[in-house]
Amino acid sequence: MPLFELERAEVPCRCQAPPDIHCDDVVLDSGLIADVIVDSQVVLELKAVERMLPLHDAQLMTYVRMSRCRTGLLINFNTVSLSDGIRRGVP
């Protein structure tokens, strides 16, 4: 379970969560589902693909912008070294 370490460290996080989309003072339902939102600050989008596509970056940035999170991480687990599969996105 990807949230085990976050929960153990008592870091607030939501799995398979819709980003809170704000329009003026109203929170809207977009139908989008982010893989993990950590402390309403970071969106984690998890993949296991042969290669990352621009579509994946666009998806992450859409979630980050709409949720008003500070940053996003796109993590591809289908790599020899995990550090090669991490991209950071900032609005």
Protein backbone atom coordinates (compact mmCIF):
# COMPACT_ATOMS: atom_id res chain seq x y z
CA MET A 1 0.00 0.00 0.00
CA PRO A 2 1.61 3.28 -1.07
CA LEU A 3 0.20 5.24 1.85
CA PHE A 4 1.60 3.03 4.61
CA GLU A 5 4.66 5.16 5.35
CA LEU A 6 2.70 8.41 5.14
CA GLU A 7 0.04 7.10 7.51
CA ARG A 8 2.68 5.78 9.90
CA ALA A 9 4.32 9.23 9.94
CA GLU A 10 0.84 10.76 10.50
CA VAL A 11 1.04 12.79 7.29
CA PRO A 12 -2.49 13.56 6.04
CA CYS A 13 -3.11 12.02 2.63
CA ARG A 14 -5.95 10.83 0.43
CA CYS A 15 -5.77 7.96 -2.05
CA GLN A 16 -7.84 7.92 -5.27
CA ALA A 17 -9.11 11.34 -4.32
CA PRO A 18 -10.79 13.95 -6.45
CA PRO A 19 -8.83 17.21 -6.32
CA ASP A 20 -10.72 20.01 -4.58
CA ILE A 21 -11.48 22.42 -7.41
CA HIS A 22 -12.26 25.92 -6.22
CA CYS A 23 -14.29 28.46 -8.16
CA ASP A 24 -14.77 31.59 -6.08
CA ASP A 25 -16.12 30.22 -2.77
CA VAL A 26 -17.57 27.01 -4.23
CA VAL A 27 -15.85 23.60 -4.38
CA LEU A 28 -16.70 21.84 -7.65
CA ASP A 29 -16.76 18.15 -8.57
CA SER A 30 -14.75 17.63 -11.76
CA GLY A 31 -14.93 13.86 -12.06
CA LEU A 32 -11.11 13.73 -12.01
CA ILE A 33 -9.32 11.32 -9.68
CA ALA A 34 -5.75 11.93 -8.50
CA ASP A 35 -3.81 8.88 -7.31
CA VAL A 36 -2.64 10.48 -4.05
CA ILE A 37 -2.96 13.98 -2.58
CA VAL A 38 -0.57 14.58 0.32
CA ASP A 39 -1.52 17.20 2.92
CA SER A 40 -3.38 19.23 0.26
CA GLN A 41 0.08 20.33 -0.92
CA VAL A 42 1.42 17.65 -3.29
CA VAL A 43 -0.28 15.58 -6.00
CA LEU A 44 1.29 12.17 -6.68
CA GLU A 45 0.43 10.59 -10.01
CA LEU A 46 1.68 7.00 -10.12
CA LYS A 47 2.40 5.13 -13.36
CA ALA A 48 3.94 1.85 -14.50
CA VAL A 49 4.50 2.51 -18.20
CA GLU A 50 7.25 1.71 -20.67
CA ARG A 51 7.83 5.39 -21.38
CA MET A 52 6.38 8.64 -20.14
CA LEU A 53 4.32 10.63 -22.60
CA PRO A 54 3.53 14.35 -22.71
CA LEU A 55 -0.04 13.30 -21.88
CA HIS A 56 1.12 12.12 -18.44
CA ASP A 57 2.76 15.48 -17.72
CA ALA A 58 -0.39 17.30 -18.86
CA GLN A 59 -2.53 15.12 -16.60
CA LEU A 60 -0.34 15.86 -13.59
CA MET A 61 -0.28 19.61 -14.25
CA THR A 62 -4.07 19.67 -14.67
CA TYR A 63 -4.49 18.06 -11.25
CA VAL A 64 -1.94 20.41 -9.66
CA ARG A 65 -3.47 23.58 -11.10
CA MET A 66 -7.07 22.62 -10.41
CA SER A 67 -6.41 21.50 -6.85
CA ARG A 68 -4.24 24.53 -6.02
CA CYS A 69 -1.54 22.21 -4.68
CA ARG A 70 2.00 23.57 -4.55
CA THR A 71 3.65 20.83 -6.59
CA GLY A 72 3.15 17.47 -8.23
CA LEU A 73 5.24 14.36 -8.69
CA LEU A 74 4.83 12.01 -11.62
CA ILE A 75 6.35 8.67 -10.62
CA ASN A 76 6.92 5.83 -13.09
CA PHE A 77 7.65 2.53 -11.36
CA ASN A 78 8.61 0.76 -14.60
CA THR A 79 12.29 1.82 -14.51
CA VAL A 80 15.55 0.18 -13.52
CA SER A 81 16.23 2.97 -11.02
CA LEU A 82 13.24 4.69 -9.44
CA SER A 83 15.06 8.04 -9.49
CA ASP A 84 14.98 7.85 -13.31
CA GLY A 85 11.19 7.65 -13.22
CA ILE A 86 10.39 10.76 -11.17
CA ARG A 87 9.33 14.09 -12.66
CA ARG A 88 8.35 17.18 -10.73
CA GLY A 89 5.69 19.59 -11.88
CA VAL A 90 5.15 23.08 -10.51
CA PRO A 91 2.43 25.45 -11.74
